[in-house]
Protein backbone atom coordinates (compact mmCIF):
# COMPACT_ATOMS: atom_id res chain seq x y z
CA UNK A 1 75.73 104.60 -24.16
CA UNK A 2 75.67 107.96 -25.88
CA UNK A 3 72.38 109.78 -26.54
CA UNK A 4 71.50 112.54 -28.99
CA UNK A 5 71.47 115.20 -26.24
CA UNK A 6 75.06 114.39 -25.24
CA UNK A 7 76.66 114.63 -28.68
CA UNK A 8 77.43 117.84 -30.72
CA UNK A 9 74.63 118.53 -33.17
CA UNK A 10 72.45 116.19 -31.36
CA UNK A 11 69.24 117.73 -32.61
CA UNK A 12 70.14 117.36 -36.24
CA UNK A 13 71.28 113.78 -35.71
CA UNK A 14 68.18 113.09 -33.75
CA UNK A 15 66.03 114.39 -36.53
CA UNK A 16 67.89 112.30 -39.02
CA UNK A 17 67.51 109.31 -36.82
CA UNK A 18 63.82 109.86 -36.52
CA UNK A 19 63.43 110.01 -40.24
CA UNK A 20 65.34 106.89 -40.73
CA UNK A 21 63.13 105.19 -38.22
CA UNK A 22 60.08 106.37 -40.06
CA UNK A 23 61.47 105.11 -43.31
CA UNK A 24 62.34 101.80 -41.77
CA UNK A 25 58.78 101.45 -40.58
CA UNK A 26 57.62 101.94 -44.07
CA UNK A 27 59.62 98.94 -45.32
CA UNK A 28 57.60 95.88 -46.10
CA UNK A 29 57.99 92.65 -44.17
CA UNK A 30 59.37 90.82 -47.16
CA UNK A 31 62.34 93.17 -47.18
CA UNK A 32 63.12 92.32 -43.53
CA UNK A 33 65.47 89.39 -42.82
CA UNK A 34 63.49 86.33 -41.71
CA UNK A 35 63.75 85.74 -37.94
CA UNK A 36 65.53 82.59 -36.90
CA UNK A 37 63.04 79.79 -36.17
CA UNK A 38 62.63 78.94 -32.52
CA UNK A 39 64.25 75.67 -31.55
CA UNK A 40 61.71 73.04 -30.54
CA UNK A 41 61.62 71.98 -26.89
CA UNK A 42 63.83 69.01 -26.05
CA UNK A 43 62.06 65.65 -26.28
CA UNK A 44 60.83 64.01 -23.09
CA UNK A 45 59.95 60.41 -22.32
CA UNK A 46 56.28 59.88 -21.54
CA UNK A 47 54.72 58.42 -18.40
CA UNK A 48 54.33 54.92 -19.90
CA UNK A 49 58.07 54.67 -20.52
CA UNK A 50 58.98 55.95 -17.05
CA UNK A 51 56.51 53.55 -15.41
CA UNK A 52 57.97 50.58 -17.29
CA UNK A 53 61.52 51.41 -16.20
CA UNK A 54 60.41 51.90 -12.59
CA UNK A 55 58.83 48.43 -12.61
CA UNK A 56 62.22 46.75 -13.11
CA UNK A 57 63.95 45.06 -10.20
CA UNK A 58 67.39 43.72 -9.46
CA UNK A 59 66.05 40.17 -9.09
CA UNK A 60 64.43 40.25 -12.54
CA UNK A 61 67.47 41.69 -14.29
CA UNK A 62 69.84 39.19 -12.68
CA UNK A 63 67.87 36.37 -14.29
CA UNK A 64 68.83 37.88 -17.65
CA UNK A 65 72.58 37.84 -17.02
CA UNK A 66 74.20 35.58 -19.63
CA UNK A 67 76.37 35.78 -22.72
CA UNK A 68 75.43 34.90 -26.29
CA UNK A 69 77.10 34.85 -29.68
CA UNK A 70 75.48 35.35 -33.07
CA UNK A 71 76.90 34.98 -36.56
CA UNK A 72 76.83 37.90 -38.99
CA UNK A 73 75.71 36.66 -42.40
CA UNK A 74 75.08 38.26 -45.76
CA UNK A 75 71.77 38.12 -47.61
CA UNK A 76 73.02 34.96 -49.32
CA UNK A 77 73.84 33.31 -45.98
CA UNK A 78 77.61 33.66 -46.17
CA UNK A 79 79.33 34.27 -42.80
CA UNK A 80 80.65 37.80 -42.46
CA UNK A 81 81.61 38.07 -38.81
CA UNK A 82 80.46 37.56 -35.24
CA UNK A 83 78.49 39.44 -32.60
CA UNK A 84 78.92 38.75 -28.89
CA UNK A 85 76.75 40.19 -26.12
CA UNK A 86 77.46 39.62 -22.44
CA UNK A 87 75.51 40.93 -19.45
CA UNK A 88 76.77 40.28 -15.94
CA UNK A 89 76.96 41.74 -12.44
CA UNK A 90 79.46 44.49 -11.95
CA UNK A 91 80.48 47.30 -9.62
CA UNK A 92 80.95 50.98 -10.29
CA UNK A 93 82.60 53.65 -8.19
CA UNK A 94 80.44 56.67 -7.46
CA UNK A 95 81.57 60.23 -6.75
CA UNK A 96 82.24 59.44 -3.08
CA UNK A 97 84.46 56.46 -3.89
CA UNK A 98 81.88 53.87 -2.85
CA UNK A 99 81.65 50.74 -5.00
CA UNK A 100 78.01 50.12 -5.90
CA UNK A 101 76.58 46.99 -7.58
CA UNK A 102 75.26 47.47 -11.09
CA UNK A 103 74.57 45.72 -14.37
CA UNK A 104 77.57 45.47 -16.70
CA UNK A 105 76.92 45.16 -20.45
CA UNK A 106 79.67 44.31 -22.91
CA UNK A 107 79.14 43.83 -26.64
CA UNK A 108 81.60 43.33 -29.46
CA UNK A 109 81.25 42.73 -33.19
CA UNK A 110 83.68 42.49 -36.06
CA UNK A 111 83.01 41.57 -39.67
CA UNK A 112 82.75 42.70 -43.26
CA UNK A 113 80.15 44.78 -45.06
CA UNK A 114 80.53 44.90 -48.83
CA UNK A 115 84.06 43.52 -48.36
CA UNK A 116 84.96 46.39 -46.03
CA UNK A 117 86.11 45.67 -42.49
CA UNK A 118 83.91 47.14 -39.79
CA UNK A 119 83.27 46.62 -36.11
CA UNK A 120 82.13 48.15 -32.87
CA UNK A 121 82.56 47.65 -29.16
CA UNK A 122 80.39 48.69 -26.23
CA UNK A 123 80.91 48.77 -22.47
CA UNK A 124 78.21 50.15 -20.21
CA UNK A 125 77.35 50.35 -16.51
CA UNK A 126 73.66 50.56 -15.64
CA UNK A 127 71.55 50.92 -12.52
CA UNK A 128 68.73 48.47 -11.80
CA UNK A 129 66.33 50.89 -13.54
CA UNK A 130 68.60 50.96 -16.62
CA UNK A 131 69.84 54.48 -15.92
CA UNK A 132 73.18 55.16 -17.50
CA UNK A 133 76.14 55.47 -15.13
CA UNK A 134 78.97 55.22 -17.63
CA UNK A 135 79.27 54.00 -21.21
CA UNK A 136 82.03 53.81 -23.79
CA UNK A 137 81.43 52.87 -27.42
CA UNK A 138 83.59 52.72 -30.51
CA UNK A 139 82.70 51.93 -34.10
CA UNK A 140 84.73 51.96 -37.27
CA UNK A 141 84.47 51.13 -40.93
CA UNK A 142 87.50 50.85 -43.17
CA UNK A 143 86.39 52.62 -46.32
CA UNK A 144 88.99 52.27 -49.06
CA UNK A 145 89.18 56.02 -49.61
CA UNK A 146 88.24 57.59 -46.27
CA UNK A 147 88.26 55.33 -43.18
CA UNK A 148 85.91 56.46 -40.41
CA UNK A 149 86.02 55.96 -36.66
CA UNK A 150 83.79 57.33 -33.93
CA UNK A 151 84.18 57.15 -30.16
CA UNK A 152 81.48 58.20 -27.72
CA UNK A 153 81.63 58.34 -23.93
CA UNK A 154 78.75 59.00 -21.54
CA UNK A 155 79.37 59.72 -17.88
CA UNK A 156 77.04 60.81 -15.12
CA UNK A 157 78.61 63.73 -13.26
CA UNK A 158 76.48 64.92 -10.37
CA UNK A 159 73.31 66.48 -11.74
CA UNK A 160 74.30 66.27 -15.39
CA UNK A 161 75.25 63.80 -18.11
CA UNK A 162 78.49 64.50 -19.96
CA UNK A 163 78.88 63.25 -23.54
CA UNK A 164 82.23 63.26 -25.30
CA UNK A 165 82.40 62.42 -29.01
CA UNK A 166 85.48 61.99 -31.16
CA UNK A 167 84.93 61.59 -34.91
CA UNK A 168 87.81 60.72 -37.17
CA UNK A 169 87.49 60.86 -40.96
CA UNK A 170 90.74 60.04 -42.63
CA UNK A 171 93.29 62.25 -40.90
CA UNK A 172 90.78 64.81 -39.68
CA UNK A 173 89.63 64.52 -36.05
CA UNK A 174 86.70 66.42 -34.55
CA UNK A 175 85.98 66.44 -30.81
CA UNK A 176 82.74 67.48 -29.14
CA UNK A 177 81.71 67.78 -25.49
CA UNK A 178 78.06 68.22 -24.51
CA UNK A 179 76.37 68.41 -21.13
CA UNK A 180 72.75 67.48 -20.51
CA UNK A 181 70.84 68.30 -17.31
CA UNK A 182 70.23 65.03 -15.50
CA UNK A 183 66.48 65.64 -15.12
CA UNK A 184 66.20 65.83 -18.92
CA UNK A 185 67.59 62.28 -19.29
CA UNK A 186 64.63 60.55 -17.59
CA UNK A 187 63.61 57.61 -19.76
CA UNK A 188 66.87 57.66 -21.74
CA UNK A 189 67.78 54.26 -23.20
CA UNK A 190 71.46 54.01 -24.02
CA UNK A 191 72.92 51.37 -26.31
CA UNK A 192 73.82 49.21 -23.34
CA UNK A 193 70.40 49.69 -21.74
CA UNK A 194 68.69 48.77 -25.03
CA UNK A 195 70.28 45.30 -25.06
CA UNK A 196 69.04 44.58 -21.55
CA UNK A 197 65.63 46.20 -22.11
CA UNK A 198 64.98 43.87 -25.04
CA UNK A 199 65.67 40.87 -22.82
CA UNK A 200 63.15 42.17 -20.30
CA UNK A 201 60.50 42.53 -23.01
CA UNK A 202 61.18 38.99 -24.18
CA UNK A 203 61.01 37.64 -20.63
CA UNK A 204 57.70 39.39 -20.00
CA UNK A 205 56.48 38.68 -23.55
CA UNK A 206 55.15 42.21 -23.80
CA UNK A 207 56.04 45.70 -25.00
CA UNK A 208 54.80 48.71 -23.04
CA UNK A 209 51.89 50.21 -24.95
CA UNK A 210 52.43 53.73 -26.32
CA UNK A 211 55.72 54.05 -24.45
CA UNK A 212 58.04 56.71 -25.81
CA UNK A 213 61.63 56.53 -24.58
CA UNK A 214 64.64 58.72 -25.32
CA UNK A 215 67.71 57.78 -27.37
CA UNK A 216 70.68 59.40 -29.06
CA UNK A 217 70.65 59.65 -32.84
CA UNK A 218 73.67 59.48 -35.11
CA UNK A 219 74.36 63.16 -34.55
CA UNK A 220 74.46 62.80 -30.78
CA UNK A 221 71.12 64.54 -30.18
CA UNK A 222 68.27 63.37 -28.01
CA UNK A 223 65.30 61.98 -29.90
CA UNK A 224 62.40 59.59 -29.38
CA UNK A 225 62.76 55.82 -29.38
CA UNK A 226 59.74 53.52 -29.65
CA UNK A 227 59.20 49.78 -29.49
CA UNK A 228 56.50 47.76 -31.20
CA UNK A 229 55.58 44.09 -30.87
CA UNK A 230 55.30 42.35 -34.25
CA UNK A 231 53.97 39.04 -32.95
CA UNK A 232 55.70 35.67 -32.81
CA UNK A 233 57.36 33.44 -35.37
CA UNK A 234 58.72 29.91 -35.27
CA UNK A 235 62.38 29.83 -36.17
CA UNK A 236 64.53 26.87 -37.12
CA UNK A 237 67.96 26.46 -35.55
CA UNK A 238 69.63 23.29 -36.76
CA UNK A 239 67.15 20.52 -36.03
CA UNK A 240 65.37 22.43 -33.30
CA UNK A 241 62.51 24.88 -33.45
CA UNK A 242 61.50 27.64 -31.08
CA UNK A 243 59.03 30.51 -30.94
CA UNK A 244 60.56 33.95 -31.23
CA UNK A 245 58.98 37.15 -29.92
CA UNK A 246 59.59 39.93 -32.48
CA UNK A 247 60.21 43.49 -31.29
CA UNK A 248 60.91 46.40 -33.61
CA UNK A 249 62.80 49.41 -32.28
CA UNK A 250 62.70 52.71 -34.14
CA UNK A 251 64.93 55.69 -33.36
CA UNK A 252 63.22 58.82 -34.64
CA UNK A 253 66.12 61.09 -35.53
CA UNK A 254 65.57 64.82 -35.25
CA UNK A 255 66.99 65.63 -38.68
CA UNK A 256 67.63 62.33 -40.43
CA UNK A 257 65.36 59.46 -41.39
CA UNK A 258 64.11 56.97 -38.77
CA UNK A 259 66.41 54.04 -38.00
CA UNK A 260 64.71 50.68 -37.31
CA UNK A 261 65.89 47.26 -36.17
CA UNK A 262 63.92 44.05 -35.65
CA UNK A 263 64.89 41.68 -32.85
CA UNK A 264 63.75 38.05 -32.74
CA UNK A 265 63.90 37.07 -29.07
CA UNK A 266 63.49 33.70 -27.39
CA UNK A 267 61.38 33.29 -24.26
CA UNK A 268 64.29 33.73 -21.84
CA UNK A 269 65.74 36.80 -23.57
CA UNK A 270 68.27 35.17 -25.90
CA UNK A 271 68.60 37.00 -29.20
CA UNK A 272 67.89 34.63 -32.07
CA UNK A 273 68.02 37.09 -34.95
CA UNK A 274 68.72 40.77 -35.53
CA UNK A 275 67.75 42.53 -38.73
CA UNK A 276 68.50 46.16 -39.54
CA UNK A 277 65.77 47.47 -41.81
CA UNK A 278 67.33 48.31 -45.17
CA UNK A 279 70.53 46.37 -44.53
CA UNK A 280 71.39 43.35 -46.69
CA UNK A 281 72.83 41.31 -43.81
CA UNK A 282 71.63 40.13 -40.41
CA UNK A 283 72.79 38.37 -37.25
CA UNK A 284 71.50 34.90 -36.36
CA UNK A 285 72.24 32.21 -33.80
CA UNK A 286 73.81 29.00 -35.03
CA UNK A 287 73.11 26.84 -31.97
CA UNK A 288 69.96 26.65 -29.89
CA UNK A 289 70.72 27.74 -26.31
CA UNK A 290 69.36 25.99 -23.26
CA UNK A 291 66.32 28.07 -22.46
CA UNK A 292 66.02 29.18 -18.88
CA UNK A 293 62.73 29.05 -17.07
CA UNK A 294 61.55 31.04 -14.11
CA UNK A 295 62.27 29.32 -10.83
CA UNK A 296 59.04 28.62 -9.02
CA UNK A 297 59.47 29.40 -5.35
CA UNK A 298 57.53 26.79 -3.40
CA UNK A 299 55.93 27.90 -0.15
CA UNK A 300 57.49 26.69 3.06
CA UNK A 301 55.90 23.51 4.36
CA UNK A 302 53.76 23.92 7.46
CA UNK A 303 54.08 21.11 10.00
CA UNK A 304 51.15 20.71 12.36
CA UNK A 305 51.89 20.08 15.99
CA UNK A 306 50.79 16.56 16.88
CA UNK A 307 50.64 15.01 20.37
CA UNK A 308 53.45 12.57 21.05
CA UNK A 309 52.13 9.15 22.16
CA UNK A 310 55.41 7.90 23.56
CA UNK A 311 53.77 4.95 25.29
CA UNK A 312 52.93 3.49 21.88
CA UNK A 313 56.43 3.97 20.54
CA UNK A 314 58.55 0.95 21.48
CA UNK A 315 61.87 2.76 21.28
CA UNK A 316 60.75 5.81 23.24
CA UNK A 317 59.06 3.62 25.85
CA UNK A 318 62.21 1.54 26.23
CA UNK A 319 64.33 4.67 26.71
CA UNK A 320 61.90 5.95 29.29
CA UNK A 321 62.19 2.74 31.31
CA UNK A 322 65.97 2.79 31.10
CA UNK A 323 66.13 6.33 32.46
CA UNK A 324 63.65 5.39 35.16
CA UNK A 325 65.79 2.46 36.29
CA UNK A 326 68.94 4.62 36.31
CA UNK A 327 67.19 7.03 38.61
CA UNK A 328 66.21 4.19 40.98
CA UNK A 329 62.57 3.86 39.94
CA UNK A 330 61.28 0.27 39.67
CA UNK A 331 59.92 -1.06 36.47
CA UNK A 332 56.21 -1.74 36.30
CA UNK A 333 55.29 -5.19 37.60
CA UNK A 334 58.37 -5.49 39.81
CA UNK A 335 57.57 -5.47 43.62
CA UNK A 336 59.03 -2.58 45.55
CA UNK A 337 61.65 -3.90 48.03
CA UNK A 338 61.20 -3.10 51.72
CA UNK A 339 63.35 -0.28 53.03
CA UNK A 340 66.41 -1.44 54.97
CA UNK A 341 65.98 -1.59 58.78
CA UNK A 342 68.39 -0.32 61.43
CA UNK A 343 71.72 -2.05 61.48
CA UNK A 344 71.79 -5.10 63.71
CA UNK A 345 74.10 -4.84 66.74
CA UNK A 346 77.49 -6.32 66.54
CA UNK A 347 77.79 -9.22 69.04
CA UNK A 348 81.05 -9.95 70.75
CA UNK A 349 82.16 -13.40 69.54
CA UNK A 350 83.49 -14.11 73.03
CA UNK A 351 80.01 -14.03 74.46
CA UNK A 352 78.64 -17.53 74.33
CA UNK A 353 75.62 -17.20 76.56
CA UNK A 354 73.24 -15.10 74.58
CA UNK A 355 70.64 -15.24 77.31
CA UNK A 356 72.72 -12.97 79.54
CA UNK A 357 74.03 -10.72 76.74
CA UNK A 358 73.19 -7.06 77.04
CA UNK A 359 74.03 -4.69 74.22
CA UNK A 360 76.17 -1.74 75.11
CA UNK A 361 74.21 1.29 76.34
CA UNK A 362 71.38 -0.61 78.04
CA UNK A 363 70.80 -0.41 81.78
CA UNK A 364 68.87 -3.60 82.10
CA UNK A 365 69.40 -7.09 81.07
CA UNK A 366 66.76 -8.29 78.71
CA UNK A 367 65.90 -11.94 79.14
CA UNK A 368 65.12 -14.06 76.20
CA UNK A 369 61.49 -13.54 75.40
CA UNK A 370 60.11 -16.94 76.18
CA UNK A 371 56.90 -15.44 77.45
CA UNK A 372 54.99 -12.21 76.99
CA UNK A 373 55.80 -10.73 80.36
CA UNK A 374 57.56 -7.36 80.28
CA UNK A 375 60.48 -7.09 82.70
CA UNK A 376 60.05 -4.53 85.48
CA UNK A 377 63.70 -4.00 86.30
CA UNK A 378 64.26 -1.69 83.25
CA UNK A 379 64.63 1.96 84.01
């Protein structure tokens, strides 16, 4: 950078510069261009919202896995289309190639608004705390003059969240790519997470008090999202009635007006009615679903150890006696036989005079004991 001392005629230029500086100081503030306003800090979810998301569990969310279909009707009750929401178990591949279990949310709608075809589709992968892993959404409306279509993709990439938006108006296409630091997305409720979060609130029959979540507005900017319980209302579906828990969600856009929707939820999380504030139509169920109830886990039965009185049991006693007999033990009441004596000597059939018979191996002849005298000729 050149200075006044390094240029020819530096003193004169320096003097001129000094005067100009003095004159510029004399200018009033209103003649100065207004400084650009400082951008506000990015919104952050509060502790109540973070605590509510951390209280979720895989077991609780899996009880809310089901599909449902609602009819889109006009303010006069005429059918305009159909909305289908399905939540199920899924798997997603992480950066290391490992397949991890997750919650898979798929929603699809197609119908007419003021005789113009419109629709949207949504596919999202969520963790068990409703953190976004990946989401793809598409919405369109076939205006007669300028059809519009918008595609948005969200993808977690390491320590950041990548958002890709493609907006098509007629033949003009505009693409945008934005990256958000991952730590700034704490408490972010995506479109897919919102559908599952509403089921949790219906299941618990409560909305976290003063909770302030994050959401994306229509311009793709982070803003606050709040939920408010509006009480309960009995709704009629065919010939059946049921109590609906009403939750109102409001997305507080940074630049636009707030966007609110009211959800009428049954006790097990089924969506009975959806009303967009300011919209002439709504979505309602046409058939009452079979409401699910929480499975009560009964405690394991405890069996006390009791003494076994086998003598009183006829069958056990009979088996005991049978085993005893097989082992050579006499039954009770039966006399014990005398043990067998030594084998009697075998007598030669040719010997007829038993009085003079002497068994082999004896050295004396034993007379027949006709008296009690002991012979003395035995050695």
